[in-house]
Amino acid sequence: MGDRLFKRNLKEVIERRNKLQSYSSVEKEIINQIRTETDKQNIDNISRTKAYLLYFDRNREIPWAFLASMVSRNAGWNMTDLEGKWFPQILNAYYRRCLFMSYERANWLIFNDAFPQLLLYEITKERGESLFHLSKAFAISTFIESEWEIFLSGEDQERLMISQIINEQHIIQKPVIEHPFYKKQVFTSTIYKLQDWFHFSSVLFPVIKGELYGFSVHDFRKVSKRIELGTKLAQLLFHPKYYPSFYQFAITTEHTGSRLDYEQYVYPTKKRDTPFLRTTFPIIRHHIENQKDWYPLSNVKRRWYNRSLNLNKENIEMTSWYEHKQKQLQLGITLEHTFKQWQLH
């Protein structure tokens, strides 16, 4: 894991941050430029998804950006499910709103933290000198600032990608997963637990040939489980056998938020049963106050950097699994809806 190098960089980062910092006029301009661009792209799930992909196209050495774009697509599909054909039959409007806000808040927080890092790197590359001493201005964690410095000195792309996964999952842990409102209304609700137990949720990487790849999501509340999932997804996404097909899907398929984005390839005759995201949800204005560095309060585990994963088609090809789970879910909703209607009469 390069513990010695990390500890040395971390010590330098902390010492630098403890000094009274004043920024030059040029640095202030860069900070304002990054804040403006981040706010511009952090409007909604559609803008975030596109921004990550465009960034990856400009900076292929930062694979996390493509991973973030593909995971963001999944978040959009989960959002529009809430106002599609099926979920309104079983979930009331208040609970659907709470679920939407949990997706939206988590996605906004990750982008608000990650995109300034990405832009700092892009400007660093252009100028030929590290600008990560400006990280404090964006409340970027000491952990990931240290990891960026390691990357700049040796360009270990995979290590940086895993570190970015670790960082962003910690970014949402307390403000969303452990937040009293979301914890009560979403993550400890009976409906959420049932979905978790039956593995209805998944992160999917489609291809235009009509196949779906990915992993089902379980124990989403645990930061360690999300990091392990993120690492598996990264190794799948960039596997030499599959990456070209995933990238082809991403650049040829407009992200609308509707599951028809990929279901059109899997089931060519299927009609749309989830709406467009931008015709369904309003723009949410987020705020963040007193953002603290998560790293001094957490323990980064060595096993999170385990890069060995045995990918075989039986484990990752999810087309049949997806069809089966969709039928299960729709049957369950139909029965529940019918039972409710019968009780009313």
Protein backbone atom coordinates (compact mmCIF):
# COMPACT_ATOMS: atom_id res chain seq x y z
CA MET A 1 0.00 0.00 0.00
CA GLY A 2 3.02 2.27 0.15
CA ASP A 3 2.47 3.06 3.83
CA ARG A 4 5.72 4.95 4.29
CA LEU A 5 5.16 7.22 1.31
CA PHE A 6 1.57 7.84 2.36
CA LYS A 7 2.55 8.69 5.94
CA ARG A 8 5.27 11.06 4.76
CA ASN A 9 2.87 12.82 2.37
CA LEU A 10 0.13 12.95 5.01
CA LYS A 11 2.53 14.56 7.51
CA GLU A 12 3.46 17.21 4.94
CA VAL A 13 -0.19 17.84 4.08
CA ILE A 14 -1.17 18.27 7.74
CA GLU A 15 1.79 20.57 8.43
CA ARG A 16 0.90 22.66 5.41
CA ARG A 17 -2.73 22.92 6.48
CA ASN A 18 -1.83 23.89 10.02
CA LYS A 19 0.05 26.93 8.76
CA LEU A 20 -1.86 30.13 8.25
CA GLN A 21 -2.59 30.01 4.53
CA SER A 22 -3.01 33.00 2.30
CA TYR A 23 -3.60 32.60 -1.39
CA SER A 24 -2.14 34.68 -4.18
CA SER A 25 -4.44 36.48 -6.59
CA VAL A 26 -3.78 33.77 -9.20
CA GLU A 27 -4.62 31.02 -6.69
CA LYS A 28 -7.81 32.82 -5.65
CA GLU A 29 -8.80 33.01 -9.30
CA ILE A 30 -8.20 29.27 -9.73
CA ILE A 31 -10.25 28.51 -6.59
CA ASN A 32 -13.15 30.64 -7.83
CA GLN A 33 -12.92 29.08 -11.28
CA ILE A 34 -13.11 25.57 -9.83
CA ARG A 35 -16.02 26.46 -7.54
CA THR A 36 -17.94 28.00 -10.43
CA GLU A 37 -17.38 25.02 -12.72
CA THR A 38 -18.27 22.53 -9.98
CA ASP A 39 -21.51 24.33 -9.17
CA LYS A 40 -22.35 24.54 -12.87
CA GLN A 41 -21.97 20.79 -13.39
CA ASN A 42 -23.49 19.74 -10.04
CA ILE A 43 -27.05 20.66 -11.04
CA ASP A 44 -28.62 17.21 -11.22
CA ASN A 45 -27.91 13.56 -11.98
CA ILE A 46 -27.82 14.17 -15.74
CA SER A 47 -25.25 16.97 -15.57
CA ARG A 48 -23.04 15.01 -13.15
CA THR A 49 -23.08 11.87 -15.29
CA LYS A 50 -22.08 13.82 -18.39
CA ALA A 51 -19.42 15.86 -16.59
CA TYR A 52 -17.68 12.74 -15.29
CA LEU A 53 -17.65 11.14 -18.75
CA LEU A 54 -16.37 14.28 -20.50
CA TYR A 55 -13.64 14.57 -17.87
CA PHE A 56 -12.58 10.96 -18.45
CA ASP A 57 -12.39 11.61 -22.18
CA ARG A 58 -9.97 14.47 -21.48
CA ASN A 59 -7.99 12.59 -18.82
CA ARG A 60 -7.92 8.86 -19.50
CA GLU A 61 -5.34 8.34 -16.76
CA ILE A 62 -8.08 9.03 -14.17
CA PRO A 63 -10.32 5.95 -14.57
CA TRP A 64 -12.40 6.80 -11.48
CA ALA A 65 -14.16 9.47 -13.56
CA PHE A 66 -15.60 6.84 -15.92
CA LEU A 67 -16.56 4.61 -13.00
CA ALA A 68 -18.32 7.59 -11.39
CA SER A 69 -20.21 8.31 -14.61
CA MET A 70 -21.45 4.73 -14.94
CA VAL A 71 -22.48 4.49 -11.28
CA SER A 72 -24.18 7.87 -11.62
CA ARG A 73 -26.26 6.45 -14.48
CA ASN A 74 -27.50 3.77 -12.10
CA ALA A 75 -28.45 6.40 -9.54
CA GLY A 76 -30.52 8.16 -12.19
CA TRP A 77 -32.33 4.94 -13.10
CA ASN A 78 -33.09 4.33 -9.42
CA MET A 79 -34.47 7.84 -9.11
CA THR A 80 -36.90 7.58 -12.02
CA ASP A 81 -38.04 4.13 -10.86
CA LEU A 82 -39.70 5.97 -8.00
CA GLU A 83 -42.10 7.74 -10.39
CA GLY A 84 -42.43 4.96 -12.97
CA LYS A 85 -45.18 2.42 -13.53
CA TRP A 86 -44.55 0.20 -10.51
CA PHE A 87 -43.27 1.87 -7.34
CA PRO A 88 -46.10 4.44 -6.97
CA GLN A 89 -48.46 1.47 -6.62
CA ILE A 90 -46.79 0.40 -3.37
CA LEU A 91 -44.79 3.37 -2.02
CA ASN A 92 -46.48 6.55 -0.87
CA ALA A 93 -45.36 9.92 -2.21
CA TYR A 94 -43.57 10.92 1.02
CA TYR A 95 -41.43 7.77 1.14
CA ARG A 96 -40.62 8.07 -2.58
CA ARG A 97 -39.52 11.66 -1.98
CA CYS A 98 -37.28 10.54 0.90
CA LEU A 99 -35.68 7.88 -1.28
CA PHE A 100 -35.12 10.37 -4.10
CA MET A 101 -33.49 12.82 -1.70
CA SER A 102 -31.17 10.14 -0.33
CA TYR A 103 -29.94 9.35 -3.87
CA GLU A 104 -29.74 13.03 -4.81
CA ARG A 105 -27.99 14.14 -1.62
CA ALA A 106 -25.37 11.40 -1.83
CA ASN A 107 -24.68 12.10 -5.50
CA TRP A 108 -24.43 15.84 -4.91
CA LEU A 109 -22.04 15.41 -1.97
CA ILE A 110 -19.74 13.09 -3.91
CA PHE A 111 -19.60 15.42 -6.90
CA ASN A 112 -19.10 18.49 -4.68
CA ASP A 113 -16.08 16.77 -3.15
CA ALA A 114 -14.65 14.93 -6.15
CA PHE A 115 -14.96 17.39 -9.01
CA PRO A 116 -12.71 20.05 -7.45
CA GLN A 117 -10.07 17.32 -7.05
CA LEU A 118 -10.44 16.38 -10.71
CA LEU A 119 -10.16 20.01 -11.82
CA LEU A 120 -7.15 20.61 -9.56
CA TYR A 121 -5.44 17.68 -11.26
CA GLU A 122 -6.35 18.93 -14.74
CA ILE A 123 -4.94 22.39 -14.02
CA THR A 124 -1.90 20.79 -12.37
CA LYS A 125 -1.30 18.84 -15.56
CA GLU A 126 -1.63 21.97 -17.69
CA ARG A 127 0.67 24.08 -15.52
CA GLY A 128 3.24 21.38 -14.78
CA GLU A 129 3.17 21.97 -11.00
CA SER A 130 0.98 20.55 -8.23
CA LEU A 131 -1.92 22.73 -7.12
CA PHE A 132 -3.15 20.30 -4.48
CA HIS A 133 -1.98 22.68 -1.76
CA LEU A 134 -5.29 24.43 -2.61
CA SER A 135 -7.25 21.36 -1.42
CA LYS A 136 -8.06 22.93 1.94
CA ALA A 137 -10.10 25.61 0.16
CA PHE A 138 -12.51 22.88 -0.97
CA ALA A 139 -12.54 20.90 2.32
CA ILE A 140 -10.91 17.96 0.53
CA SER A 141 -9.78 15.27 2.98
CA THR A 142 -6.13 15.01 4.02
CA PHE A 143 -6.33 11.35 3.02
CA ILE A 144 -7.16 11.91 -0.65
CA GLU A 145 -4.87 14.95 -0.95
CA SER A 146 -2.01 12.71 0.17
CA GLU A 147 -3.07 10.05 -2.33
CA TRP A 148 -3.10 12.59 -5.19
CA GLU A 149 0.46 13.57 -4.30
CA ILE A 150 1.47 9.89 -4.43
CA PHE A 151 -0.18 9.62 -7.83
CA LEU A 152 1.64 12.70 -9.12
CA SER A 153 4.97 11.20 -8.05
CA GLY A 154 4.41 7.75 -9.54
CA GLU A 155 1.12 7.58 -11.45
CA ASP A 156 -0.30 4.43 -9.86
CA GLN A 157 -3.71 4.78 -11.49
CA GLU A 158 -5.34 1.82 -9.80
CA ARG A 159 -4.23 2.84 -6.32
CA LEU A 160 -5.61 6.34 -6.85
CA MET A 161 -8.90 4.93 -8.13
CA ILE A 162 -9.33 2.72 -5.06
CA SER A 163 -8.40 5.66 -2.81
CA GLN A 164 -11.05 7.78 -4.55
CA ILE A 165 -13.63 5.04 -3.92
CA ILE A 166 -12.64 4.93 -0.24
CA ASN A 167 -12.77 8.70 0.07
CA GLU A 168 -16.15 9.24 -1.58
CA GLN A 169 -17.87 6.46 0.36
CA HIS A 170 -16.71 8.07 3.58
CA ILE A 171 -17.91 11.46 2.32
CA ILE A 172 -21.54 10.23 2.30
CA GLN A 173 -21.43 8.02 5.40
CA LYS A 174 -22.33 10.54 8.11
CA PRO A 175 -24.24 13.17 6.07
CA VAL A 176 -26.51 10.59 4.38
CA ILE A 177 -26.25 7.00 5.59
CA GLU A 178 -25.98 7.88 9.30
CA HIS A 179 -27.96 11.12 9.17
CA PRO A 180 -30.88 10.79 11.62
CA PHE A 181 -33.49 11.72 9.00
CA TYR A 182 -32.34 9.34 6.25
CA LYS A 183 -31.50 6.63 8.76
CA LYS A 184 -35.03 6.66 10.14
CA GLN A 185 -37.03 7.35 6.98
CA VAL A 186 -35.01 5.24 4.51
CA PHE A 187 -32.24 2.95 5.70
CA THR A 188 -33.98 1.32 8.67
CA SER A 189 -37.44 1.16 7.06
CA THR A 190 -39.10 -2.22 6.54
CA ILE A 191 -39.36 -1.65 2.79
CA TYR A 192 -35.65 -0.88 2.49
CA LYS A 193 -34.72 -3.95 4.55
CA LEU A 194 -36.89 -6.20 2.37
CA GLN A 195 -35.26 -4.85 -0.76
CA ASP A 196 -31.83 -5.43 0.79
CA TRP A 197 -32.65 -8.98 1.91
CA PHE A 198 -34.00 -10.01 -1.49
CA HIS A 199 -31.16 -8.34 -3.43
CA PHE A 200 -33.50 -6.40 -5.72
CA SER A 201 -30.96 -3.58 -6.09
CA SER A 202 -27.99 -3.81 -8.41
CA VAL A 203 -25.38 -1.70 -10.19
CA LEU A 204 -25.52 -2.49 -13.90
CA PHE A 205 -23.12 -1.86 -16.76
CA PRO A 206 -25.04 -2.38 -20.02
CA VAL A 207 -23.69 -3.03 -23.51
CA ILE A 208 -25.49 -2.24 -26.75
CA LYS A 209 -25.48 -5.94 -27.72
CA GLY A 210 -28.20 -6.33 -25.09
CA GLU A 211 -26.31 -7.82 -22.16
CA LEU A 212 -26.12 -6.51 -18.61
CA TYR A 213 -23.12 -6.90 -16.32
CA GLY A 214 -22.58 -5.90 -12.71
CA PHE A 215 -23.23 -6.90 -9.12
CA SER A 216 -26.19 -6.89 -6.76
CA VAL A 217 -26.04 -4.49 -3.83
CA HIS A 218 -26.27 -5.78 -0.25
CA ASP A 219 -25.62 -4.09 3.11
CA PHE A 220 -25.46 -0.68 1.45
CA ARG A 221 -25.38 1.07 4.83
CA LYS A 222 -21.91 -0.32 5.64
CA VAL A 223 -19.07 1.78 4.27
CA SER A 224 -16.82 -1.27 3.95
CA LYS A 225 -19.39 -3.10 1.81
CA ARG A 226 -19.76 -0.10 -0.51
CA ILE A 227 -15.99 0.20 -0.90
CA GLU A 228 -15.69 -3.50 -1.73
CA LEU A 229 -18.54 -3.15 -4.23
CA GLY A 230 -16.90 -0.10 -5.79
CA THR A 231 -13.60 -1.95 -6.18
CA LYS A 232 -15.33 -4.92 -7.84
CA LEU A 233 -17.21 -2.60 -10.18
CA ALA A 234 -13.98 -0.83 -11.11
CA GLN A 235 -12.22 -4.09 -11.94
CA LEU A 236 -15.18 -5.20 -14.04
CA LEU A 237 -15.53 -1.85 -15.82
CA PHE A 238 -11.88 -1.77 -16.89
CA HIS A 239 -11.44 -5.45 -17.63
CA PRO A 240 -9.84 -5.59 -21.10
CA LYS A 241 -12.52 -7.99 -22.35
CA TYR A 242 -15.47 -5.80 -21.35
CA TYR A 243 -14.28 -2.20 -21.18
CA PRO A 244 -14.62 -1.42 -24.92
CA SER A 245 -18.29 -2.49 -24.87
CA PHE A 246 -19.07 -0.49 -21.73
CA TYR A 247 -17.41 2.60 -23.16
CA GLN A 248 -19.26 2.16 -26.46
CA PHE A 249 -22.55 2.12 -24.55
CA ALA A 250 -21.59 5.25 -22.59
CA ILE A 251 -20.63 7.38 -25.57
CA THR A 252 -23.50 6.28 -27.83
CA THR A 253 -26.37 6.24 -25.33
CA GLU A 254 -27.75 9.52 -24.02
CA HIS A 255 -28.36 9.40 -20.29
CA THR A 256 -31.99 10.37 -19.67
CA GLY A 257 -32.49 8.66 -16.30
CA SER A 258 -35.04 6.24 -17.72
CA ARG A 259 -34.24 2.53 -17.67
CA LEU A 260 -35.19 2.48 -21.33
CA ASP A 261 -31.66 3.85 -21.86
CA TYR A 262 -30.45 0.24 -21.71
CA GLU A 263 -33.66 -1.79 -21.82
CA GLN A 264 -34.02 -0.72 -25.45
CA TYR A 265 -31.04 -2.97 -26.19
CA VAL A 266 -32.09 -5.86 -23.93
CA TYR A 267 -35.80 -5.85 -24.88
CA PRO A 268 -36.13 -4.02 -28.23
CA THR A 269 -39.95 -4.09 -28.17
CA LYS A 270 -40.39 -2.96 -24.57
CA LYS A 271 -42.34 0.22 -23.91
CA ARG A 272 -41.09 2.88 -21.54
CA ASP A 273 -42.28 2.39 -17.94
CA THR A 274 -39.97 4.90 -16.22
CA PRO A 275 -39.94 8.61 -17.10
CA PHE A 276 -37.20 11.04 -18.11
CA LEU A 277 -35.42 12.38 -15.04
CA ARG A 278 -35.55 16.05 -15.99
CA THR A 279 -39.30 15.98 -16.63
CA THR A 280 -39.89 14.28 -13.27
CA PHE A 281 -37.79 15.91 -10.56
CA PRO A 282 -37.05 19.55 -9.72
CA ILE A 283 -33.57 21.00 -9.34
CA ILE A 284 -32.56 20.62 -5.68
CA ARG A 285 -30.55 23.39 -4.04
CA HIS A 286 -28.14 21.79 -1.59
CA HIS A 287 -26.13 23.36 1.20
CA ILE A 288 -23.29 22.09 3.31
CA GLU A 289 -21.93 23.52 6.54
CA ASN A 290 -19.05 22.68 8.87
CA GLN A 291 -17.67 19.95 6.64
CA LYS A 292 -15.11 18.01 8.66
CA ASP A 293 -12.28 15.81 7.46
CA TRP A 294 -13.50 12.22 7.82
CA TYR A 295 -10.00 10.70 7.81
CA PRO A 296 -8.86 11.35 11.42
CA LEU A 297 -12.06 9.65 12.62
CA SER A 298 -11.82 6.53 10.44
CA ASN A 299 -9.58 3.57 9.83
CA VAL A 300 -8.52 2.81 6.25
CA LYS A 301 -8.21 -0.97 5.92
CA ARG A 302 -5.44 -2.63 3.95
CA ARG A 303 -7.86 -5.16 2.45
CA TRP A 304 -9.67 -2.37 0.61
CA TYR A 305 -6.62 -2.19 -1.65
CA ASN A 306 -6.87 -5.87 -2.61
CA ARG A 307 -6.65 -5.81 -6.41
CA SER A 308 -7.24 -9.49 -7.13
CA LEU A 309 -10.73 -10.39 -8.33
CA ASN A 310 -11.72 -13.50 -10.23
CA LEU A 311 -14.16 -12.31 -12.89
CA ASN A 312 -16.02 -15.00 -14.75
CA LYS A 313 -19.13 -14.54 -16.83
CA GLU A 314 -21.30 -16.55 -14.43
CA ASN A 315 -20.54 -14.03 -11.65
CA ILE A 316 -20.94 -10.80 -13.61
CA GLU A 317 -23.40 -11.44 -16.46
CA MET A 318 -26.74 -10.32 -15.03
CA THR A 319 -29.20 -10.24 -17.92
CA SER A 320 -31.21 -13.27 -16.79
CA TRP A 321 -30.87 -12.28 -13.12
CA TYR A 322 -32.22 -8.82 -13.94
CA GLU A 323 -35.20 -10.18 -15.84
CA HIS A 324 -35.99 -12.61 -13.01
CA LYS A 325 -35.74 -9.91 -10.32
CA GLN A 326 -37.87 -7.48 -12.33
CA LYS A 327 -40.59 -10.11 -12.68
CA GLN A 328 -40.38 -10.90 -8.95
CA LEU A 329 -40.62 -7.25 -8.04
CA GLN A 330 -43.49 -6.51 -10.41
CA LEU A 331 -45.43 -9.59 -9.28
CA GLY A 332 -44.95 -8.63 -5.64
CA ILE A 333 -46.11 -5.06 -6.29
CA THR A 334 -49.13 -6.26 -8.28
CA LEU A 335 -50.19 -8.64 -5.50
CA GLU A 336 -49.69 -6.00 -2.81
CA HIS A 337 -51.61 -3.41 -4.83
CA THR A 338 -54.44 -5.87 -5.50
CA PHE A 339 -54.62 -6.77 -1.80
CA LYS A 340 -54.83 -3.11 -0.83
CA GLN A 341 -57.60 -2.48 -3.35
CA TRP A 342 -59.48 -5.52 -2.03
CA GLN A 343 -59.19 -4.19 1.54
CA LEU A 344 -60.64 -0.84 0.47
CA HIS A 345 -63.73 -2.59 -0.87
